[in-house]
Amino acid sequence: MIKLLADENFNNHIIRGVLRQNPNVDILRVQDVDLSGADDPTVLAWAAQQGRVVLTNDVATMVRFAYERIQVGLSMPGVFEVSRRVPIGLAIEEILLIAECSLEGEWEGQVRFIPLK
């Protein structure tokens, strides 16, 4: 099972739903690790140091900074951008699928979008 980090503005209803379905999912919020207010490059650097895939609703900046890390050869364990238009239930199901069925390092250097297609 992979480790996840939810960006500061990530929908908490989704996080609670994931943990309600499977309390063993290793998911932290930026707020839980004293990164509240940190910029996206700082969040991505922390996630890389900890080997955590980032969950975000922020396609505007987080995704750009993730690609920048990849371009310069820095570690980037992965980013999943969850559209705010995705129904909460679908987002929960897909995050559970990713968390439970992925191998550590599987998403390295990748930016993916939920819903998965």
Protein backbone atom coordinates (compact mmCIF):
# COMPACT_ATOMS: atom_id res chain seq x y z
CA MET A 1 0.00 0.00 0.00
CA ILE A 2 1.33 3.43 -0.89
CA LYS A 3 1.51 6.46 1.39
CA LEU A 4 -0.52 9.55 0.57
CA LEU A 5 -0.35 13.25 1.39
CA ALA A 6 -3.45 15.40 0.90
CA ASP A 7 -2.77 18.98 -0.15
CA GLU A 8 -3.97 21.75 2.17
CA ASN A 9 -7.20 22.48 0.32
CA PHE A 10 -8.03 18.88 -0.52
CA ASN A 11 -11.64 17.91 0.18
CA ASN A 12 -11.76 16.56 3.75
CA HIS A 13 -14.99 14.68 3.00
CA ILE A 14 -12.99 12.53 0.60
CA ILE A 15 -10.27 11.89 3.18
CA ARG A 16 -12.83 10.91 5.83
CA GLY A 17 -14.61 8.64 3.34
CA VAL A 18 -11.37 6.89 2.40
CA LEU A 19 -10.51 6.30 6.06
CA ARG A 20 -14.05 5.18 6.87
CA GLN A 21 -13.81 2.53 4.12
CA ASN A 22 -10.28 1.49 5.07
CA PRO A 23 -8.74 2.90 8.25
CA ASN A 24 -5.39 1.33 7.30
CA VAL A 25 -4.81 3.70 4.38
CA ASP A 26 -1.74 5.78 5.20
CA ILE A 27 -2.99 9.27 4.39
CA LEU A 28 -1.80 12.47 5.99
CA ARG A 29 -3.00 16.01 5.46
CA VAL A 30 -0.57 18.89 4.96
CA GLN A 31 -2.05 20.33 8.16
CA ASP A 32 -1.06 17.18 10.09
CA VAL A 33 2.64 17.65 9.32
CA ASP A 34 2.96 21.40 10.02
CA LEU A 35 2.99 22.41 6.36
CA SER A 36 -0.11 24.62 6.49
CA GLY A 37 0.48 27.63 4.30
CA ALA A 38 3.54 26.08 2.64
CA ASP A 39 3.94 26.68 -1.08
CA ASP A 40 3.55 23.85 -3.56
CA PRO A 41 7.30 23.27 -4.13
CA THR A 42 7.76 22.85 -0.36
CA VAL A 43 4.85 20.38 -0.15
CA LEU A 44 6.22 18.40 -3.10
CA ALA A 45 9.74 18.34 -1.61
CA TRP A 46 8.39 17.08 1.74
CA ALA A 47 6.28 14.43 -0.02
CA ALA A 48 9.33 13.30 -1.99
CA GLN A 49 11.44 13.02 1.18
CA GLN A 50 8.71 10.93 2.81
CA GLY A 51 7.82 8.88 -0.28
CA ARG A 52 4.22 10.10 -0.31
CA VAL A 53 2.01 10.50 -3.36
CA VAL A 54 0.22 13.85 -3.31
CA LEU A 55 -3.54 14.23 -3.65
CA THR A 56 -4.63 17.68 -4.79
CA ASN A 57 -7.55 19.60 -6.22
CA ASP A 58 -5.12 22.26 -7.48
CA VAL A 59 -4.48 21.66 -11.16
CA ALA A 60 -3.37 25.26 -11.69
CA THR A 61 -0.11 25.24 -9.72
CA MET A 62 0.60 21.89 -8.03
CA VAL A 63 0.68 20.02 -11.33
CA ARG A 64 3.01 22.62 -12.88
CA PHE A 65 5.45 22.37 -9.97
CA ALA A 66 5.30 18.56 -10.12
CA TYR A 67 6.29 18.64 -13.80
CA GLU A 68 9.08 21.10 -12.97
CA ARG A 69 10.49 18.65 -10.40
CA ILE A 70 10.42 15.88 -12.98
CA GLN A 71 12.12 18.05 -15.62
CA VAL A 72 15.08 18.87 -13.38
CA GLY A 73 15.45 15.27 -12.22
CA LEU A 74 14.16 15.65 -8.67
CA SER A 75 12.24 12.85 -6.98
CA MET A 76 8.47 13.17 -7.33
CA PRO A 77 6.57 10.14 -5.95
CA GLY A 78 3.45 11.08 -7.90
CA VAL A 79 0.52 13.49 -7.93
CA PHE A 80 -3.15 12.70 -8.36
CA GLU A 81 -5.27 15.71 -9.24
CA VAL A 82 -8.89 15.15 -8.23
CA SER A 83 -11.29 17.37 -10.14
CA ARG A 84 -13.70 19.23 -7.90
CA ARG A 85 -16.45 18.06 -10.27
CA VAL A 86 -15.85 14.37 -9.48
CA PRO A 87 -18.56 12.99 -7.20
CA ILE A 88 -17.16 12.36 -3.71
CA GLY A 89 -18.10 8.67 -3.79
CA LEU A 90 -16.22 8.11 -7.04
CA ALA A 91 -13.17 9.96 -5.74
CA ILE A 92 -13.18 7.79 -2.60
CA GLU A 93 -13.45 4.57 -4.64
CA GLU A 94 -10.61 5.52 -6.96
CA ILE A 95 -8.29 6.70 -4.18
CA LEU A 96 -8.92 3.43 -2.34
CA LEU A 97 -8.12 1.49 -5.50
CA ILE A 98 -4.89 3.45 -5.94
CA ALA A 99 -3.87 3.18 -2.29
CA GLU A 100 -4.65 -0.51 -1.88
CA CYS A 101 -3.44 -1.82 -5.24
CA SER A 102 -0.36 0.28 -5.97
CA LEU A 103 3.19 -0.69 -5.24
CA GLU A 104 5.62 1.70 -3.61
CA GLY A 105 7.32 3.74 -6.30
CA GLU A 106 4.75 2.85 -8.96
CA TRP A 107 3.67 6.46 -9.50
CA GLU A 108 7.17 7.98 -9.40
CA GLY A 109 7.44 10.88 -11.84
CA GLN A 110 3.78 10.72 -12.85
CA VAL A 111 0.89 13.15 -12.71
CA ARG A 112 -2.49 11.46 -13.04
CA PHE A 113 -6.05 12.70 -12.94
CA ILE A 114 -9.10 11.35 -11.13
CA PRO A 115 -11.42 10.14 -12.47
CA LEU A 116 -9.08 7.52 -13.94
CA LYS A 117 -9.75 6.80 -17.59
